[in-house]
Amino acid sequence: MTVVPVELGARRYDVLIEAGALGRAAELLAPFAGDRLIVVTDETVAAAQLPRLRHPNIIPLVLPAGEATKNWSHLEALCDDLLALEVERGEHIVALGGGMIGDLTGFAAAIVKRGIGFVQVPTTLLAQVDSSVGGKTAINARAGKNLIGAFHQPSFVLIDPTVLDTLPARELRAGYAEVVKYGLIADDGFFAWCEANAEKLLAGDPEARAHAIAYSVAAKARIVAEDERETADRRALLNLGHTFGHALEAETGFGPALLHGEAVAAGMGLAFRFSAQRGLCSPSDATRVAEHLRRIGLPHDTVSAGVTASGERLAAHMAHDKKKAGGRVPFILAHGIGKAFVDKSVSLDEVAAFLDDRK
């Protein structure tokens, strides 16, 4: 068992990482559950993991699987279901699933009765190492991804690495993008660890998975504690690859053609290549990043992501970025591996020209 604290003063909470933890849910979730446990999940996770969540009185609210569910209509339906159950402010609801379920459930918890508690039980690698920690909740809008939401921290995060055994290989690879991101942001040593151990992690090696999850959660917890609401540049570093990646997702309709983690991987490759083109980092670093992503089966640019839209069209998606300020979209670029920084001087015209160069 590993416990990682997220230090947010009175709203401090723990992230518990333990193989087989779902089987101890009644015990581990006892501080947050009364005589019932309202669990929000999706159809895929309900079939694979809900039977493993041990509690004497589970009330499941099952939503359709997929990113398309993260919208107004399903948020409204979920809120109505919670109100029909007469959920009380002192109760906690459980988000059992990947990033979509965590985002949607957390947002519902933030707005129902002006805020109820919730617990994250992430079932994908991406959610375990990234989206379940930090309190960002949201739904998507026509204009872009995660544009409607709230900061609402969970009260507890319960991570059982064994749930990854049922995850499709593609989903696992997509989640890995958020693991390697932590090395690219601020730790070239961890990136080197990823280069040496990615295949073992993806193949199911328990030690590799446990190390990757614990390292990633601790790294994110530190950043969130320093800059919870992204008012400084510290938490913004977690968006490495996301500005490019969200544009790719928007172009592909937030559908199964390009998973979120795949878009982030392509975005990180593009961010390093763009940094190299601007003379900020060495071309060899950009090549090293692209080669690592390619080797494990992740896209590293628009071509490998299967996106053929013009640079102007992709830049237009970026113009809706929620972090836009003063007419500029901040980009996370790099001076090298482990040396990411926020650059607010980039013009979207420059980005569009860069994206049109697909060599």
Protein backbone atom coordinates (compact mmCIF):
# COMPACT_ATOMS: atom_id res chain seq x y z
CA MET A 1 0.00 0.00 0.00
CA THR A 2 1.15 3.54 -0.83
CA VAL A 3 -0.58 6.67 0.46
CA VAL A 4 0.11 10.00 -1.24
CA PRO A 5 -1.32 13.09 0.48
CA VAL A 6 -2.65 16.03 -1.52
CA GLU A 7 -1.93 18.94 0.80
CA LEU A 8 -4.67 21.55 0.41
CA GLY A 9 -5.10 22.75 3.98
CA ALA A 10 -8.58 21.99 5.29
CA ARG A 11 -9.39 20.19 2.04
CA ARG A 12 -6.45 17.83 2.29
CA TYR A 13 -7.10 14.29 1.06
CA ASP A 14 -5.25 11.04 0.49
CA VAL A 15 -4.63 8.97 -2.60
CA LEU A 16 -4.39 5.32 -1.62
CA ILE A 17 -2.71 2.93 -4.06
CA GLU A 18 -3.11 -0.77 -3.31
CA ALA A 19 -3.43 -3.90 -5.42
CA GLY A 20 -6.81 -5.48 -4.69
CA ALA A 21 -8.21 -2.38 -3.00
CA LEU A 22 -11.61 -2.72 -4.71
CA GLY A 23 -12.20 -5.86 -2.68
CA ARG A 24 -11.77 -3.80 0.51
CA ALA A 25 -14.06 -0.97 -0.62
CA ALA A 26 -16.50 -1.35 2.28
CA GLU A 27 -13.65 -0.86 4.75
CA LEU A 28 -11.68 1.78 2.83
CA LEU A 29 -14.73 3.86 1.88
CA ALA A 30 -16.40 3.56 5.30
CA PRO A 31 -15.47 7.15 6.31
CA PHE A 32 -17.29 8.42 3.20
CA ALA A 33 -20.28 6.09 2.98
CA GLY A 34 -23.28 5.53 5.20
CA ASP A 35 -25.70 2.69 4.64
CA ARG A 36 -25.55 3.11 0.87
CA LEU A 37 -22.92 3.77 -1.76
CA ILE A 38 -24.07 5.70 -4.84
CA VAL A 39 -21.70 4.71 -7.64
CA VAL A 40 -21.59 6.53 -10.97
CA THR A 41 -20.00 4.44 -13.70
CA ASP A 42 -20.33 3.57 -17.38
CA GLU A 43 -21.58 0.46 -19.12
CA THR A 44 -18.11 -0.94 -19.83
CA VAL A 45 -16.75 -0.43 -16.31
CA ALA A 46 -20.00 -1.65 -14.74
CA ALA A 47 -19.54 -5.00 -16.44
CA ALA A 48 -15.82 -5.34 -15.71
CA GLN A 49 -15.30 -3.72 -12.30
CA LEU A 50 -18.55 -3.02 -10.45
CA PRO A 51 -18.80 -6.63 -9.18
CA ARG A 52 -15.34 -6.21 -7.61
CA LEU A 53 -16.36 -3.12 -5.63
CA ARG A 54 -17.31 -4.77 -2.35
CA HIS A 55 -20.03 -2.94 -0.41
CA PRO A 56 -23.31 -4.26 1.01
CA ASN A 57 -25.56 -1.61 -0.57
CA ILE A 58 -24.40 -0.25 -3.89
CA ILE A 59 -26.75 1.95 -5.91
CA PRO A 60 -25.29 2.09 -9.44
CA LEU A 61 -25.99 4.93 -11.87
CA VAL A 62 -24.75 3.62 -15.21
CA LEU A 63 -24.02 5.95 -18.12
CA PRO A 64 -23.06 5.21 -21.74
CA ALA A 65 -19.33 4.72 -22.23
CA GLY A 66 -17.26 7.17 -24.27
CA GLU A 67 -16.21 10.83 -24.32
CA ALA A 68 -19.47 11.80 -26.05
CA THR A 69 -21.27 11.24 -22.73
CA LYS A 70 -19.45 14.21 -21.17
CA ASN A 71 -22.11 16.71 -22.22
CA TRP A 72 -25.02 18.81 -20.94
CA SER A 73 -27.72 16.19 -21.43
CA HIS A 74 -25.96 13.46 -19.47
CA LEU A 75 -24.93 15.93 -16.78
CA GLU A 76 -28.58 16.99 -16.40
CA ALA A 77 -29.74 13.37 -16.27
CA LEU A 78 -27.13 12.51 -13.64
CA CYS A 79 -28.09 15.48 -11.49
CA ASP A 80 -31.76 14.52 -11.75
CA ASP A 81 -30.92 10.96 -10.71
CA LEU A 82 -28.96 12.17 -7.69
CA LEU A 83 -31.79 14.46 -6.62
CA ALA A 84 -34.31 11.64 -7.07
CA LEU A 85 -32.19 9.60 -4.67
CA GLU A 86 -32.41 12.54 -2.23
CA VAL A 87 -28.66 12.73 -1.95
CA GLU A 88 -27.62 14.88 0.99
CA ARG A 89 -24.82 17.39 1.25
CA GLY A 90 -23.03 15.23 3.77
CA GLU A 91 -23.02 12.20 1.45
CA HIS A 92 -20.32 11.15 -0.96
CA ILE A 93 -20.91 9.74 -4.39
CA VAL A 94 -18.32 7.51 -6.06
CA ALA A 95 -16.89 7.99 -9.54
CA LEU A 96 -15.94 4.50 -10.73
CA GLY A 97 -14.38 4.74 -14.17
CA GLY A 98 -11.98 6.58 -16.39
CA GLY A 99 -11.47 10.28 -16.95
CA MET A 100 -14.89 10.85 -18.49
CA ILE A 101 -16.73 9.42 -15.50
CA GLY A 102 -14.48 11.26 -13.04
CA ASP A 103 -14.92 14.60 -14.81
CA LEU A 104 -18.69 14.27 -15.19
CA THR A 105 -19.33 12.90 -11.70
CA GLY A 106 -17.09 15.50 -10.11
CA PHE A 107 -18.90 18.31 -11.91
CA ALA A 108 -22.29 16.95 -10.85
CA ALA A 109 -21.00 16.76 -7.26
CA ALA A 110 -19.83 20.36 -7.50
CA ILE A 111 -23.25 21.72 -8.49
CA VAL A 112 -25.86 19.46 -6.89
CA LYS A 113 -27.15 21.25 -3.77
CA ARG A 114 -24.23 23.68 -4.24
CA GLY A 115 -21.74 20.92 -3.58
CA ILE A 116 -21.67 17.38 -2.26
CA GLY A 117 -18.71 15.13 -1.58
CA PHE A 118 -17.29 12.62 -4.00
CA VAL A 119 -14.65 9.90 -4.12
CA GLN A 120 -12.60 8.96 -7.16
CA VAL A 121 -12.04 5.27 -7.94
CA PRO A 122 -10.23 5.49 -11.29
CA THR A 123 -10.17 2.41 -13.51
CA THR A 124 -7.90 3.53 -16.37
CA LEU A 125 -4.19 4.28 -16.26
CA LEU A 126 -4.84 7.81 -17.50
CA ALA A 127 -7.33 8.50 -14.72
CA GLN A 128 -5.14 6.87 -12.08
CA VAL A 129 -2.06 8.96 -12.85
CA ASP A 130 -3.71 12.22 -13.84
CA SER A 131 -7.38 13.14 -14.00
CA SER A 132 -8.53 11.63 -10.67
CA VAL A 133 -6.17 13.91 -8.72
CA GLY A 134 -6.42 17.68 -8.59
CA GLY A 135 -10.10 18.59 -8.63
CA LYS A 136 -10.62 19.58 -12.25
CA THR A 137 -14.15 18.60 -13.29
CA ALA A 138 -15.89 19.47 -16.56
CA ILE A 139 -17.99 18.62 -19.55
CA ASN A 140 -17.27 19.33 -23.20
CA ALA A 141 -18.98 21.97 -25.33
CA ARG A 142 -19.33 22.57 -29.06
CA ALA A 143 -16.48 25.06 -28.82
CA GLY A 144 -14.06 22.60 -27.27
CA LYS A 145 -13.03 20.19 -24.55
CA ASN A 146 -13.59 20.79 -20.82
CA LEU A 147 -14.82 24.37 -21.33
CA ILE A 148 -17.65 24.09 -18.79
CA GLY A 149 -16.72 22.93 -15.32
CA ALA A 150 -15.54 23.69 -11.81
CA PHE A 151 -12.70 23.01 -9.42
CA HIS A 152 -14.09 20.49 -6.93
CA GLN A 153 -11.63 18.33 -5.04
CA PRO A 154 -12.46 14.72 -4.18
CA SER A 155 -12.43 13.66 -0.54
CA PHE A 156 -10.46 10.50 -1.29
CA VAL A 157 -8.91 8.70 -4.26
CA LEU A 158 -8.75 4.90 -4.24
CA ILE A 159 -6.45 3.35 -6.85
CA ASP A 160 -6.34 -0.39 -7.48
CA PRO A 161 -3.69 -1.13 -10.13
CA THR A 162 -5.12 -4.61 -10.77
CA VAL A 163 -8.12 -3.10 -12.58
CA LEU A 164 -5.73 -2.31 -15.42
CA ASP A 165 -5.55 -6.03 -16.22
CA THR A 166 -8.90 -5.75 -18.02
CA LEU A 167 -8.02 -2.55 -19.87
CA PRO A 168 -7.62 -2.85 -23.66
CA ALA A 169 -4.02 -2.42 -24.83
CA ARG A 170 -4.88 0.75 -26.72
CA GLU A 171 -6.42 2.37 -23.63
CA LEU A 172 -3.39 1.38 -21.58
CA ARG A 173 -1.01 2.96 -24.10
CA ALA A 174 -3.12 6.10 -24.16
CA GLY A 175 -2.88 6.36 -20.38
CA TYR A 176 0.86 5.87 -20.53
CA ALA A 177 1.12 9.22 -22.31
CA GLU A 178 0.20 10.92 -19.04
CA VAL A 179 2.88 8.92 -17.21
CA VAL A 180 5.74 9.87 -19.49
CA LYS A 181 4.51 13.47 -19.41
CA TYR A 182 5.85 13.88 -15.86
CA GLY A 183 9.36 13.03 -17.02
CA LEU A 184 9.13 15.41 -19.97
CA ILE A 185 7.94 18.24 -17.72
CA ALA A 186 10.49 18.19 -14.96
CA ASP A 187 12.47 14.96 -14.53
CA ASP A 188 14.75 13.67 -17.26
CA GLY A 189 15.68 10.78 -14.95
CA PHE A 190 12.08 9.59 -14.85
CA PHE A 191 11.88 9.92 -18.63
CA ALA A 192 14.93 7.66 -18.83
CA TRP A 193 13.13 5.22 -16.49
CA CYS A 194 10.17 5.28 -18.87
CA GLU A 195 12.43 4.55 -21.83
CA ALA A 196 13.77 1.51 -20.00
CA ASN A 197 10.52 0.25 -18.48
CA ALA A 198 7.59 1.28 -20.70
CA GLU A 199 7.24 -2.14 -22.30
CA LYS A 200 7.20 -3.86 -18.90
CA LEU A 201 4.58 -1.45 -17.60
CA LEU A 202 2.36 -1.98 -20.63
CA ALA A 203 2.83 -5.74 -20.44
CA GLY A 204 1.48 -5.80 -16.89
CA ASP A 205 4.57 -5.94 -14.69
CA PRO A 206 3.20 -5.13 -11.19
CA GLU A 207 6.31 -3.37 -9.93
CA ALA A 208 6.63 -1.16 -13.00
CA ARG A 209 2.98 -0.22 -12.82
CA ALA A 210 3.08 0.49 -9.10
CA HIS A 211 6.17 2.68 -9.47
CA ALA A 212 4.74 4.62 -12.43
CA ILE A 213 1.42 5.25 -10.69
CA ALA A 214 2.95 6.27 -7.35
CA TYR A 215 5.53 8.54 -8.99
CA SER A 216 2.94 10.23 -11.20
CA VAL A 217 0.43 10.77 -8.40
CA ALA A 218 3.12 12.22 -6.11
CA ALA A 219 4.34 14.54 -8.87
CA LYS A 220 0.84 15.81 -9.59
CA ALA A 221 -0.01 16.14 -5.89
CA ARG A 222 3.00 18.41 -5.37
CA ILE A 223 2.04 20.63 -8.28
CA VAL A 224 -1.63 20.83 -7.27
CA ALA A 225 -0.67 21.76 -3.70
CA GLU A 226 1.47 24.62 -5.05
CA ASP A 227 -1.02 25.93 -7.62
CA GLU A 228 -4.47 24.42 -7.14
CA ARG A 229 -6.44 26.65 -9.51
CA GLU A 230 -3.75 27.21 -12.13
CA THR A 231 -3.39 30.88 -11.21
CA ALA A 232 0.38 30.66 -11.60
CA ASP A 233 2.46 28.90 -14.23
CA ARG A 234 3.26 25.89 -12.04
CA ARG A 235 0.10 23.82 -12.63
CA ALA A 236 -0.06 24.98 -16.24
CA LEU A 237 2.97 22.76 -16.91
CA LEU A 238 0.66 19.75 -16.58
CA ASN A 239 -0.86 20.88 -19.88
CA LEU A 240 2.21 19.82 -21.84
CA GLY A 241 0.86 18.45 -25.13
CA HIS A 242 -2.72 19.38 -24.31
CA THR A 243 -3.12 22.55 -26.38
CA PHE A 244 -2.01 20.74 -29.51
CA GLY A 245 -3.80 17.57 -28.38
CA HIS A 246 -7.17 19.18 -27.68
CA ALA A 247 -7.12 20.68 -31.18
CA LEU A 248 -6.57 17.21 -32.62
CA GLU A 249 -9.40 15.83 -30.50
CA ALA A 250 -11.74 18.61 -31.59
CA GLU A 251 -10.91 17.95 -35.23
CA THR A 252 -11.71 14.26 -34.81
CA GLY A 253 -14.95 14.98 -32.93
CA PHE A 254 -13.80 13.80 -29.48
CA GLY A 255 -14.58 10.30 -30.68
CA PRO A 256 -12.90 6.89 -30.77
CA ALA A 257 -10.73 7.80 -33.75
CA LEU A 258 -8.29 9.51 -31.38
CA LEU A 259 -8.29 8.82 -27.65
CA HIS A 260 -7.41 11.63 -25.25
CA GLY A 261 -4.08 10.08 -24.27
CA GLU A 262 -3.20 9.51 -27.92
CA ALA A 263 -3.93 13.17 -28.65
CA VAL A 264 -1.76 14.23 -25.69
CA ALA A 265 1.08 12.02 -26.94
CA ALA A 266 0.88 13.59 -30.39
CA GLY A 267 0.69 17.00 -28.73
CA MET A 268 3.84 16.37 -26.68
CA GLY A 269 5.72 15.28 -29.78
CA LEU A 270 4.55 18.43 -31.55
CA ALA A 271 5.45 20.63 -28.57
CA PHE A 272 9.03 19.33 -28.59
CA ARG A 273 9.32 19.60 -32.35
CA PHE A 274 7.95 23.16 -32.22
CA SER A 275 10.39 23.96 -29.41
CA ALA A 276 13.26 22.64 -31.52
CA GLN A 277 12.11 24.67 -34.54
CA ARG A 278 12.12 27.81 -32.38
CA GLY A 279 15.63 27.02 -31.15
CA LEU A 280 14.49 26.36 -27.60
CA CYS A 281 15.66 22.77 -27.35
CA SER A 282 17.92 20.52 -29.38
CA PRO A 283 16.49 18.63 -32.37
CA SER A 284 17.92 15.47 -30.79
CA ASP A 285 15.63 15.88 -27.76
CA ALA A 286 12.60 16.25 -30.04
CA THR A 287 13.69 13.17 -31.97
CA ARG A 288 14.21 11.20 -28.76
CA VAL A 289 10.69 12.04 -27.57
CA ALA A 290 9.12 11.16 -30.92
CA GLU A 291 11.05 7.90 -31.12
CA HIS A 292 9.96 6.80 -27.65
CA LEU A 293 6.30 7.51 -28.40
CA ARG A 294 6.56 5.77 -31.79
CA ARG A 295 8.26 2.74 -30.27
CA ILE A 296 5.42 2.02 -27.88
CA GLY A 297 2.70 2.64 -30.43
CA LEU A 298 1.63 6.20 -29.68
CA PRO A 299 1.32 9.04 -32.22
CA HIS A 300 3.89 11.81 -32.06
CA ASP A 301 2.60 14.30 -34.66
CA THR A 302 -0.43 15.07 -36.83
CA VAL A 303 0.48 12.48 -39.45
CA SER A 304 0.80 9.58 -37.01
CA ALA A 305 -2.39 10.80 -35.29
CA GLY A 306 -4.22 10.50 -38.61
CA VAL A 307 -5.18 14.19 -38.74
CA THR A 308 -4.91 15.90 -42.13
CA ALA A 309 -6.59 19.24 -41.35
CA SER A 310 -4.76 22.43 -42.22
CA GLY A 311 -2.69 24.26 -39.65
CA GLU A 312 -5.13 27.16 -39.85
CA ARG A 313 -8.04 24.90 -39.00
CA LEU A 314 -6.24 23.31 -36.05
CA ALA A 315 -5.11 26.71 -34.79
CA ALA A 316 -8.74 27.84 -34.93
CA HIS A 317 -9.61 25.08 -32.47
CA MET A 318 -6.84 26.35 -30.18
CA ALA A 319 -8.36 29.85 -30.22
CA HIS A 320 -11.11 28.48 -27.93
CA ASP A 321 -8.59 27.29 -25.33
CA LYS A 322 -9.89 28.04 -21.82
CA LYS A 323 -6.45 29.27 -20.76
CA LYS A 324 -6.45 32.04 -23.39
CA ALA A 325 -5.66 35.46 -21.90
CA GLY A 326 -5.13 38.81 -23.56
CA GLY A 327 -5.83 37.26 -26.93
CA ARG A 328 -2.93 34.81 -26.56
CA VAL A 329 -2.99 31.08 -25.95
CA PRO A 330 -0.18 29.96 -23.62
CA PHE A 331 1.84 26.99 -24.88
CA ILE A 332 3.89 24.58 -22.81
CA LEU A 333 7.21 24.29 -24.60
CA ALA A 334 10.58 22.92 -23.50
CA HIS A 335 14.23 23.84 -23.20
CA GLY A 336 14.92 20.12 -23.19
CA ILE A 337 13.66 16.87 -21.69
CA GLY A 338 12.60 17.63 -18.12
CA LYS A 339 12.69 21.38 -18.76
CA ALA A 340 9.17 22.43 -19.71
CA PHE A 341 8.04 26.04 -19.36
CA VAL A 342 5.07 28.28 -20.20
CA ASP A 343 5.50 30.44 -23.31
CA LYS A 344 2.96 33.23 -23.74
CA SER A 345 4.62 34.78 -26.78
CA VAL A 346 3.44 32.27 -29.38
CA SER A 347 1.07 33.47 -32.10
CA LEU A 348 -1.50 31.11 -33.57
CA ASP A 349 -0.36 32.11 -37.05
CA GLU A 350 3.09 30.78 -36.18
CA VAL A 351 1.55 27.56 -34.89
CA ALA A 352 -0.56 27.18 -38.03
CA ALA A 353 2.51 27.53 -40.24
CA PHE A 354 4.37 24.99 -38.13
CA LEU A 355 1.52 22.47 -38.36
CA ASP A 356 1.36 22.83 -42.13
CA ASP A 357 4.98 21.67 -42.28
CA ARG A 358 4.42 17.90 -42.04
CA LYS A 359 7.87 16.76 -43.06
